[in-house]
Amino acid sequence: MTDLQKINKKNYFMIDPGHAAIANQTYEIRPTAKRAMKIVALLFCCAMNFAFAQATAPIQLDRLQLAFPADWTIRTSGDPIKGSGPNGEQLFISVVRGRENASGTALKVAEGFANDKMVEIASADNQVVIRPVATLAAPKGTVGFSAGSENAGTTGGKTYFIQYLLAAPDVMIYLTFEGKGEAGPAMQRFDTFFTTQQWDLSMPFAESVNKLQAHQRAASEISISTSDEGGFADVELSIESQNCPKWDECTVRARGLYKGIPVGIEISIGYIQGNRTGIVYHSIGKESDNLLAALAALYKLKSPANPIRTETYGDLIPLEAARSIMKGKVFFYPEGPASKYAELYTNIDFDRGVLQILEKDPDYRTNVVKAFSK
């Protein structure tokens, strides 16, 4: 058990960039440069995904408000929260909230995480640490930490990885930046973002949670959310109906809009094809044809000449199956040929009422569209 895990075991928090977590397990982040980084997930009682506003205005992250430059784009929903800068910089954000009766715990956990895991992460993969963990200037009642490292890379060009951790008594926000170039100038630039931080520490816990949930519901009314930041193009649809007595007997129908055009799909988990059991994507008619066209557009491919298949089957490996959340990795034509093989993620989140179809790798875009096309 790490020092961080020993802190107030009844009130664990979790740093979880990219996945909802289960206690004492390790989850892989899916960053743009296929960076292999793992962070220990620490249990806390109510992890939440947060949607937030356009980057051209101050962004609300729980009790924290940050202002990003207008030339940055922040995705409006999804897990993890993603952003991209004008020079290809990539941003990943995790917001972590603790129990109502655990005020103050986040400050202790943040300090432990900074001195333990941030140090370890900064020096992983033979990176050169340019900034050891340092304390950021932070408003009274909050703390802030940062660390930066860089790697010369196999082609000679430098890349950087910069971490920031901000915390109030009952919430932590973990942000990472990745990009090309030297870490020093990048840190000087990113540090200025955090001089804009404003915390609302007077808001009662319940009011803060209710406000976030209301904001989240309002954001979900934008029924399709897409992101092509960092090379990924992800789709999020609003769940219209579901019949899921258990995860291996689950059918979900979801709809949305793409540029004002209705799109939709139905999926069934536990679907049997021959001697294989996995997931099937059912066409619901014209809306599913529109979804396929939307995927092709998001993938920067030509619009498919044929409509979507009536049924598209894929092998499914569950990455998480909790009470109200299922996250799965889908394989199309896993036995080949390579000209057809593709992967993506499909997630169901009943708490948020969304179905997500997320990219595994942009290299699979052509084959994903082929898999869905007649």
Protein backbone atom coordinates (compact mmCIF):
# COMPACT_ATOMS: atom_id res chain seq x y z
CA MET A 1 0.00 0.00 0.00
CA THR A 2 1.37 3.43 -0.92
CA ASP A 3 1.60 6.32 1.52
CA LEU A 4 -1.28 7.93 -0.32
CA GLN A 5 -3.47 4.88 0.21
CA LYS A 6 -2.78 4.95 3.95
CA ILE A 7 -4.35 8.39 4.35
CA ASN A 8 -7.80 8.10 5.92
CA LYS A 9 -8.79 4.80 4.34
CA LYS A 10 -12.49 5.43 4.93
CA ASN A 11 -12.42 8.53 2.76
CA TYR A 12 -10.22 7.62 -0.20
CA PHE A 13 -10.17 9.83 -3.21
CA MET A 14 -9.32 8.74 -6.70
CA ILE A 15 -7.19 10.15 -9.47
CA ASP A 16 -8.88 8.70 -12.52
CA PRO A 17 -7.93 10.23 -15.88
CA GLY A 18 -9.84 8.29 -18.45
CA HIS A 19 -11.83 5.71 -16.55
CA ALA A 20 -14.24 5.30 -13.66
CA ALA A 21 -12.32 3.32 -11.09
CA ILE A 22 -12.64 0.38 -8.79
CA ALA A 23 -10.65 0.33 -5.56
CA ASN A 24 -7.00 -0.68 -5.73
CA GLN A 25 -6.92 -1.30 -9.48
CA THR A 26 -4.74 0.32 -12.11
CA TYR A 27 -6.17 1.90 -15.24
CA GLU A 28 -4.49 2.97 -18.44
CA ILE A 29 -4.82 6.49 -19.81
CA ARG A 30 -5.54 6.86 -23.53
CA PRO A 31 -3.52 9.97 -24.48
CA THR A 32 -2.92 11.30 -27.95
CA ALA A 33 0.62 10.05 -28.50
CA LYS A 34 -0.40 6.58 -27.27
CA ARG A 35 1.56 7.38 -24.14
CA ALA A 36 1.69 4.37 -21.82
CA MET A 37 1.07 5.82 -18.36
CA LYS A 38 -0.69 4.22 -15.44
CA ILE A 39 -1.99 5.80 -12.26
CA VAL A 40 -3.16 4.00 -9.14
CA ALA A 41 -6.90 4.54 -8.71
CA LEU A 42 -7.88 5.34 -5.12
CA LEU A 43 -11.40 4.65 -3.96
CA PHE A 44 -13.79 7.41 -2.95
CA CYS A 45 -17.52 7.26 -2.52
CA CYS A 46 -18.98 9.16 -5.45
CA ALA A 47 -16.85 9.66 -8.58
CA MET A 48 -18.62 11.82 -11.14
CA ASN A 49 -18.11 12.74 -14.78
CA PHE A 50 -18.47 16.47 -15.40
CA ALA A 51 -19.53 18.37 -18.49
CA PHE A 52 -18.68 22.03 -18.81
CA ALA A 53 -18.88 25.08 -21.01
CA GLN A 54 -17.03 26.35 -24.05
CA ALA A 55 -13.35 27.17 -23.57
CA THR A 56 -13.77 30.74 -24.77
CA ALA A 57 -15.41 31.50 -21.41
CA PRO A 58 -14.29 30.59 -17.88
CA ILE A 59 -14.65 26.84 -17.33
CA GLN A 60 -16.33 25.52 -14.19
CA LEU A 61 -14.76 22.41 -12.66
CA ASP A 62 -16.76 21.71 -9.52
CA ARG A 63 -15.82 24.54 -7.11
CA LEU A 64 -12.99 25.73 -9.37
CA GLN A 65 -13.24 28.18 -12.24
CA LEU A 66 -10.39 28.46 -14.76
CA ALA A 67 -10.05 30.66 -17.84
CA PHE A 68 -8.35 29.18 -20.89
CA PRO A 69 -7.27 31.26 -23.91
CA ALA A 70 -9.84 31.58 -26.67
CA ASP A 71 -7.74 29.50 -29.05
CA TRP A 72 -8.12 26.43 -26.82
CA THR A 73 -10.97 23.97 -27.31
CA ILE A 74 -12.42 21.95 -24.44
CA ARG A 75 -14.76 19.07 -25.20
CA THR A 76 -18.17 19.53 -23.64
CA SER A 77 -18.55 16.03 -22.24
CA GLY A 78 -16.90 12.70 -21.95
CA ASP A 79 -14.51 10.75 -19.83
CA PRO A 80 -11.82 11.97 -19.57
CA ILE A 81 -12.42 15.67 -20.15
CA LYS A 82 -10.23 16.60 -23.11
CA GLY A 83 -8.86 19.80 -24.52
CA SER A 84 -6.56 20.89 -27.31
CA GLY A 85 -4.42 23.97 -27.90
CA PRO A 86 -3.49 25.88 -31.03
CA ASN A 87 -0.17 24.05 -31.45
CA GLY A 88 -1.47 20.52 -30.99
CA GLU A 89 -1.15 20.52 -27.21
CA GLN A 90 -3.40 17.99 -25.49
CA LEU A 91 -5.11 18.43 -22.14
CA PHE A 92 -6.75 15.77 -19.96
CA ILE A 93 -8.73 16.65 -16.82
CA SER A 94 -10.17 14.55 -14.00
CA VAL A 95 -12.46 16.01 -11.32
CA VAL A 96 -12.66 14.01 -8.11
CA ARG A 97 -15.09 14.66 -5.26
CA GLY A 98 -15.14 13.15 -1.80
CA ARG A 99 -17.71 12.43 0.85
CA GLU A 100 -19.76 15.16 2.42
CA ASN A 101 -18.37 14.39 5.89
CA ALA A 102 -14.78 14.14 4.68
CA SER A 103 -13.98 17.84 4.31
CA GLY A 104 -10.25 18.44 4.45
CA THR A 105 -9.35 14.96 3.26
CA ALA A 106 -8.75 16.11 -0.32
CA LEU A 107 -6.06 18.53 0.80
CA LYS A 108 -4.16 15.76 2.56
CA VAL A 109 -4.62 13.30 -0.28
CA ALA A 110 -3.50 15.91 -2.82
CA GLU A 111 -0.28 16.53 -0.91
CA GLY A 112 0.38 12.79 -0.66
CA PHE A 113 -0.39 12.23 -4.33
CA ALA A 114 1.88 15.11 -5.36
CA ASN A 115 4.82 13.86 -3.33
CA ASP A 116 4.30 10.21 -4.25
CA LYS A 117 2.62 9.56 -7.61
CA MET A 118 3.38 12.83 -9.42
CA VAL A 119 7.07 12.32 -8.73
CA GLU A 120 6.87 8.76 -10.03
CA ILE A 121 4.89 9.75 -13.13
CA ALA A 122 7.23 12.62 -13.97
CA SER A 123 10.24 10.32 -14.13
CA ALA A 124 8.53 7.36 -15.84
CA ASP A 125 9.64 6.07 -19.25
CA ASN A 126 13.12 7.60 -18.85
CA GLN A 127 11.77 11.14 -18.95
CA VAL A 128 14.01 13.99 -17.83
CA VAL A 129 12.42 15.86 -14.94
CA ILE A 130 12.60 19.58 -15.69
CA ARG A 131 10.46 20.70 -12.77
CA PRO A 132 10.33 18.50 -9.70
CA VAL A 133 7.04 18.69 -7.83
CA ALA A 134 6.59 22.35 -6.92
CA THR A 135 3.94 24.22 -4.97
CA LEU A 136 1.71 26.57 -6.94
CA ALA A 137 0.38 29.83 -5.61
CA ALA A 138 -3.20 29.06 -4.55
CA PRO A 139 -6.03 30.93 -2.84
CA LYS A 140 -6.49 30.47 0.90
CA GLY A 141 -8.01 27.11 1.77
CA THR A 142 -6.71 25.41 -1.39
CA VAL A 143 -3.44 23.87 -2.55
CA GLY A 144 -1.75 23.47 -5.91
CA PHE A 145 1.15 21.42 -7.24
CA SER A 146 2.89 21.00 -10.57
CA ALA A 147 5.61 18.90 -12.17
CA GLY A 148 7.11 18.80 -15.64
CA SER A 149 9.27 16.45 -17.66
CA GLU A 150 10.37 15.96 -21.24
CA ASN A 151 11.61 13.22 -23.51
CA ALA A 152 13.99 13.51 -26.45
CA GLY A 153 11.96 10.96 -28.40
CA THR A 154 13.11 8.44 -30.97
CA THR A 155 13.11 10.96 -33.83
CA GLY A 156 15.07 13.59 -31.94
CA GLY A 157 12.20 16.01 -31.34
CA LYS A 158 11.40 16.76 -27.72
CA THR A 159 8.00 16.12 -26.17
CA TYR A 160 6.77 17.25 -22.78
CA PHE A 161 4.41 15.95 -20.11
CA ILE A 162 3.26 18.44 -17.47
CA GLN A 163 1.04 17.75 -14.46
CA TYR A 164 -1.04 20.07 -12.30
CA LEU A 165 -3.00 19.11 -9.21
CA LEU A 166 -5.38 21.55 -7.50
CA ALA A 167 -7.45 20.79 -4.42
CA ALA A 168 -10.00 22.30 -2.07
CA PRO A 169 -11.13 20.59 1.15
CA ASP A 170 -13.57 18.26 -0.64
CA VAL A 171 -12.48 18.08 -4.28
CA MET A 172 -9.35 17.54 -6.40
CA ILE A 173 -8.71 18.45 -10.02
CA TYR A 174 -5.87 16.73 -11.87
CA LEU A 175 -4.76 18.15 -15.23
CA THR A 176 -2.07 16.93 -17.61
CA PHE A 177 -0.68 18.61 -20.71
CA GLU A 178 1.19 16.83 -23.50
CA GLY A 179 2.83 18.31 -26.56
CA LYS A 180 5.88 18.75 -28.74
CA GLY A 181 8.76 20.96 -27.68
CA GLU A 182 10.65 21.77 -24.50
CA ALA A 183 8.93 21.52 -21.14
CA GLY A 184 10.34 24.78 -19.74
CA PRO A 185 8.63 27.26 -22.09
CA ALA A 186 5.45 25.17 -22.06
CA MET A 187 5.28 25.28 -18.26
CA GLN A 188 5.76 29.04 -18.24
CA ARG A 189 2.81 29.35 -20.59
CA PHE A 190 0.55 26.89 -18.78
CA ASP A 191 1.36 28.38 -15.38
CA THR A 192 -0.41 31.54 -16.46
CA PHE A 193 -3.66 29.57 -16.89
CA PHE A 194 -3.66 28.82 -13.19
CA THR A 195 -3.30 32.43 -12.11
CA THR A 196 -6.95 32.73 -13.17
CA GLN A 197 -8.20 30.13 -10.69
CA GLN A 198 -11.18 31.11 -8.59
CA TRP A 199 -12.64 28.84 -5.93
CA ASP A 200 -16.09 28.96 -4.39
CA LEU A 201 -15.45 27.49 -0.94
CA SER A 202 -18.58 28.99 0.63
CA MET A 203 -21.03 26.86 -1.37
CA PRO A 204 -22.54 24.10 0.79
CA PHE A 205 -21.62 20.58 -0.25
CA ALA A 206 -25.16 19.56 -1.25
CA GLU A 207 -25.67 22.75 -3.26
CA SER A 208 -22.39 22.17 -5.07
CA VAL A 209 -23.39 18.62 -6.01
CA ASN A 210 -26.89 19.71 -7.10
CA LYS A 211 -25.45 22.52 -9.19
CA LEU A 212 -23.08 20.14 -10.92
CA GLN A 213 -25.81 17.61 -11.59
CA ALA A 214 -28.09 20.31 -13.01
CA HIS A 215 -25.25 21.56 -15.22
CA GLN A 216 -24.60 18.01 -16.32
CA ARG A 217 -28.24 17.44 -17.26
CA ALA A 218 -28.30 20.71 -19.20
CA ALA A 219 -25.17 19.69 -21.10
CA SER A 220 -26.64 16.28 -21.92
CA GLU A 221 -29.53 17.98 -23.75
CA ILE A 222 -26.98 18.58 -26.49
CA SER A 223 -27.68 15.03 -27.47
CA ILE A 224 -24.62 14.32 -29.55
CA SER A 225 -21.20 15.48 -28.46
CA THR A 226 -18.14 14.97 -30.61
CA SER A 227 -14.47 15.62 -30.17
CA ASP A 228 -11.60 15.38 -32.60
CA GLU A 229 -9.03 16.72 -30.18
CA GLY A 230 -5.79 14.87 -30.09
CA GLY A 231 -6.63 12.67 -33.04
CA PHE A 232 -9.74 11.13 -31.45
CA ALA A 233 -13.29 11.54 -32.72
CA ASP A 234 -15.83 10.44 -30.09
CA VAL A 235 -19.61 10.33 -30.16
CA GLU A 236 -22.00 10.59 -27.23
CA LEU A 237 -25.73 9.96 -27.68
CA SER A 238 -28.64 10.35 -25.27
CA ILE A 239 -30.20 7.07 -24.15
CA GLU A 240 -33.83 6.88 -25.19
CA SER A 241 -34.73 3.43 -23.87
CA GLN A 242 -33.06 0.48 -22.23
CA ASN A 243 -33.83 -3.09 -21.21
CA CYS A 244 -30.93 -4.36 -19.13
CA PRO A 245 -31.82 -6.89 -16.43
CA LYS A 246 -28.09 -7.66 -16.43
CA TRP A 247 -25.14 -6.55 -18.51
CA ASP A 248 -24.98 -9.69 -20.65
CA GLU A 249 -28.66 -9.24 -21.49
CA CYS A 250 -28.76 -5.53 -22.27
CA THR A 251 -30.34 -3.55 -25.09
CA VAL A 252 -30.03 0.23 -25.34
CA ARG A 253 -31.40 2.64 -27.93
CA ALA A 254 -29.87 6.11 -28.17
CA ARG A 255 -30.44 9.14 -30.36
CA GLY A 256 -28.97 12.54 -30.98
CA LEU A 257 -28.28 15.28 -33.48
CA TYR A 258 -25.27 15.89 -35.68
CA LYS A 259 -25.33 19.36 -37.24
CA GLY A 260 -29.10 19.35 -36.81
CA ILE A 261 -29.57 15.92 -38.43
CA PRO A 262 -31.16 13.15 -36.30
CA VAL A 263 -28.87 10.18 -35.68
CA GLY A 264 -29.38 7.03 -33.65
CA ILE A 265 -28.46 3.41 -32.99
CA GLU A 266 -29.52 0.46 -30.88
CA ILE A 267 -27.02 -1.89 -29.28
CA SER A 268 -27.42 -5.30 -27.67
CA ILE A 269 -24.83 -6.81 -25.34
CA GLY A 270 -24.78 -10.57 -25.00
CA TYR A 271 -25.75 -10.97 -28.62
CA ILE A 272 -24.87 -14.42 -30.01
CA GLN A 273 -23.43 -14.85 -33.50
CA GLY A 274 -22.52 -18.43 -34.26
CA ASN A 275 -20.42 -19.62 -31.35
CA ARG A 276 -19.40 -16.09 -30.32
CA THR A 277 -21.05 -13.74 -27.82
CA GLY A 278 -20.47 -10.00 -27.94
CA ILE A 279 -22.21 -6.80 -29.00
CA VAL A 280 -24.35 -5.95 -32.00
CA TYR A 281 -25.21 -2.52 -33.33
CA HIS A 282 -28.75 -2.57 -34.76
CA SER A 283 -29.83 -0.10 -37.42
CA ILE A 284 -32.99 1.84 -36.54
CA GLY A 285 -33.38 3.10 -40.09
CA LYS A 286 -32.46 6.44 -41.61
CA GLU A 287 -31.12 7.79 -38.30
CA SER A 288 -28.53 5.02 -38.22
CA ASP A 289 -27.54 5.77 -41.82
CA ASN A 290 -27.08 9.35 -40.68
CA LEU A 291 -24.93 8.20 -37.78
CA LEU A 292 -22.66 6.27 -40.13
CA ALA A 293 -22.33 9.35 -42.33
CA ALA A 294 -21.58 11.45 -39.23
CA LEU A 295 -18.86 9.01 -38.16
CA ALA A 296 -17.28 9.19 -41.62
CA ALA A 297 -17.35 12.99 -41.46
CA LEU A 298 -15.81 13.03 -38.00
CA TYR A 299 -13.18 10.56 -39.15
CA LYS A 300 -12.41 12.84 -42.12
CA LEU A 301 -13.39 10.11 -44.59
CA LYS A 302 -15.61 10.19 -47.64
CA SER A 303 -19.28 9.58 -46.96
CA PRO A 304 -19.93 5.84 -47.38
CA ALA A 305 -21.66 4.87 -50.62
CA ASN A 306 -23.77 2.22 -48.86
CA PRO A 307 -26.12 2.51 -45.87
CA ILE A 308 -25.40 1.02 -42.47
CA ARG A 309 -25.72 -2.73 -41.99
CA THR A 310 -28.91 -4.01 -40.41
CA GLU A 311 -26.69 -5.62 -37.78
CA THR A 312 -22.99 -5.07 -37.10
CA TYR A 313 -21.40 -7.61 -34.77
CA GLY A 314 -18.26 -7.21 -32.67
CA ASP A 315 -16.50 -9.15 -29.93
CA LEU A 316 -16.76 -7.31 -26.61
CA ILE A 317 -14.37 -7.30 -23.66
CA PRO A 318 -15.88 -5.52 -20.61
CA LEU A 319 -13.39 -3.13 -19.03
CA GLU A 320 -15.81 -2.20 -16.28
CA ALA A 321 -19.28 -3.42 -15.34
CA ALA A 322 -20.67 -1.62 -12.33
CA ARG A 323 -24.29 -1.08 -11.25
CA SER A 324 -24.99 1.70 -13.72
CA ILE A 325 -21.90 1.85 -15.96
CA MET A 326 -20.51 -0.54 -18.53
CA LYS A 327 -17.32 0.22 -20.42
CA GLY A 328 -16.28 -2.16 -23.16
CA LYS A 329 -13.66 -2.62 -25.84
CA VAL A 330 -15.06 -3.86 -29.16
CA PHE A 331 -13.17 -5.85 -31.81
CA PHE A 332 -14.36 -6.15 -35.39
CA TYR A 333 -13.05 -9.17 -37.32
CA PRO A 334 -10.61 -10.16 -34.53
CA GLU A 335 -9.48 -13.19 -36.50
CA GLY A 336 -8.72 -11.08 -39.56
CA PRO A 337 -8.08 -10.34 -42.26
CA ALA A 338 -6.04 -7.28 -41.29
CA SER A 339 -7.80 -5.30 -44.01
CA LYS A 340 -11.02 -5.55 -41.96
CA TYR A 341 -9.73 -5.57 -38.36
CA ALA A 342 -10.71 -2.63 -36.17
CA GLU A 343 -11.27 -1.67 -32.52
CA LEU A 344 -13.30 0.94 -30.67
CA TYR A 345 -14.85 1.51 -27.23
CA THR A 346 -18.55 1.44 -26.45
CA ASN A 347 -19.70 2.69 -23.04
CA ILE A 348 -23.10 2.87 -21.35
CA ASP A 349 -23.64 5.29 -18.48
CA PHE A 350 -27.14 5.16 -17.03
CA ASP A 351 -26.35 7.80 -14.40
CA ARG A 352 -25.65 10.31 -17.15
CA GLY A 353 -28.07 8.75 -19.60
CA VAL A 354 -25.53 8.44 -22.42
CA LEU A 355 -24.20 5.90 -24.88
CA GLN A 356 -20.63 6.56 -26.01
CA ILE A 357 -18.84 5.30 -29.13
CA LEU A 358 -15.19 6.21 -28.64
CA GLU A 359 -12.20 5.76 -30.87
CA LYS A 360 -9.46 3.33 -29.90
CA ASP A 361 -7.00 4.55 -32.54
CA PRO A 362 -7.41 6.82 -35.58
CA ASP A 363 -5.66 4.13 -37.64
CA TYR A 364 -8.86 2.07 -37.41
CA ARG A 365 -11.16 4.73 -38.85
CA THR A 366 -11.45 3.30 -42.35
CA ASN A 367 -12.11 -0.22 -41.10
CA VAL A 368 -14.66 0.95 -38.52
CA VAL A 369 -16.69 2.63 -41.29
CA LYS A 370 -16.28 -0.51 -43.45
CA ALA A 371 -17.49 -2.71 -40.58
CA PHE A 372 -20.70 -0.69 -40.25
CA SER A 373 -21.33 -0.35 -44.00
CA LYS A 374 -23.30 -2.83 -46.12
